[in-house]
């Protein structure tokens, strides 16, 4: 019988599957400490909660998914599977908000 729960040994994220916008797209964002983000290329702006702001700053520091996972697990005290899901969900939302 197959388990409905994914095993932490079977990660849902990899460098190839993380739907993260490219480094130049993220680097051009103007960020405030309150979570306001402005993309000067598109003119779009959006607001992040404190968790989203922290994740975006982690993405700016690390492009390697393993480094992102380690920092999220440590800073947010979450288990690896939960961290992977949260990172994936946020990356999908972020990618949908930014134009290349």
Foldseek 3Di string as FASTA:
>chain_A
DDDPDDDLVDFPDALVPQLADDLVQLVQWDADPQAWIARVVVRDIDGDHNVLVVLSVLVNVDSGPVSSQVVCCVVVVDDSRVSRVVSSVSRVVVSVRTDD
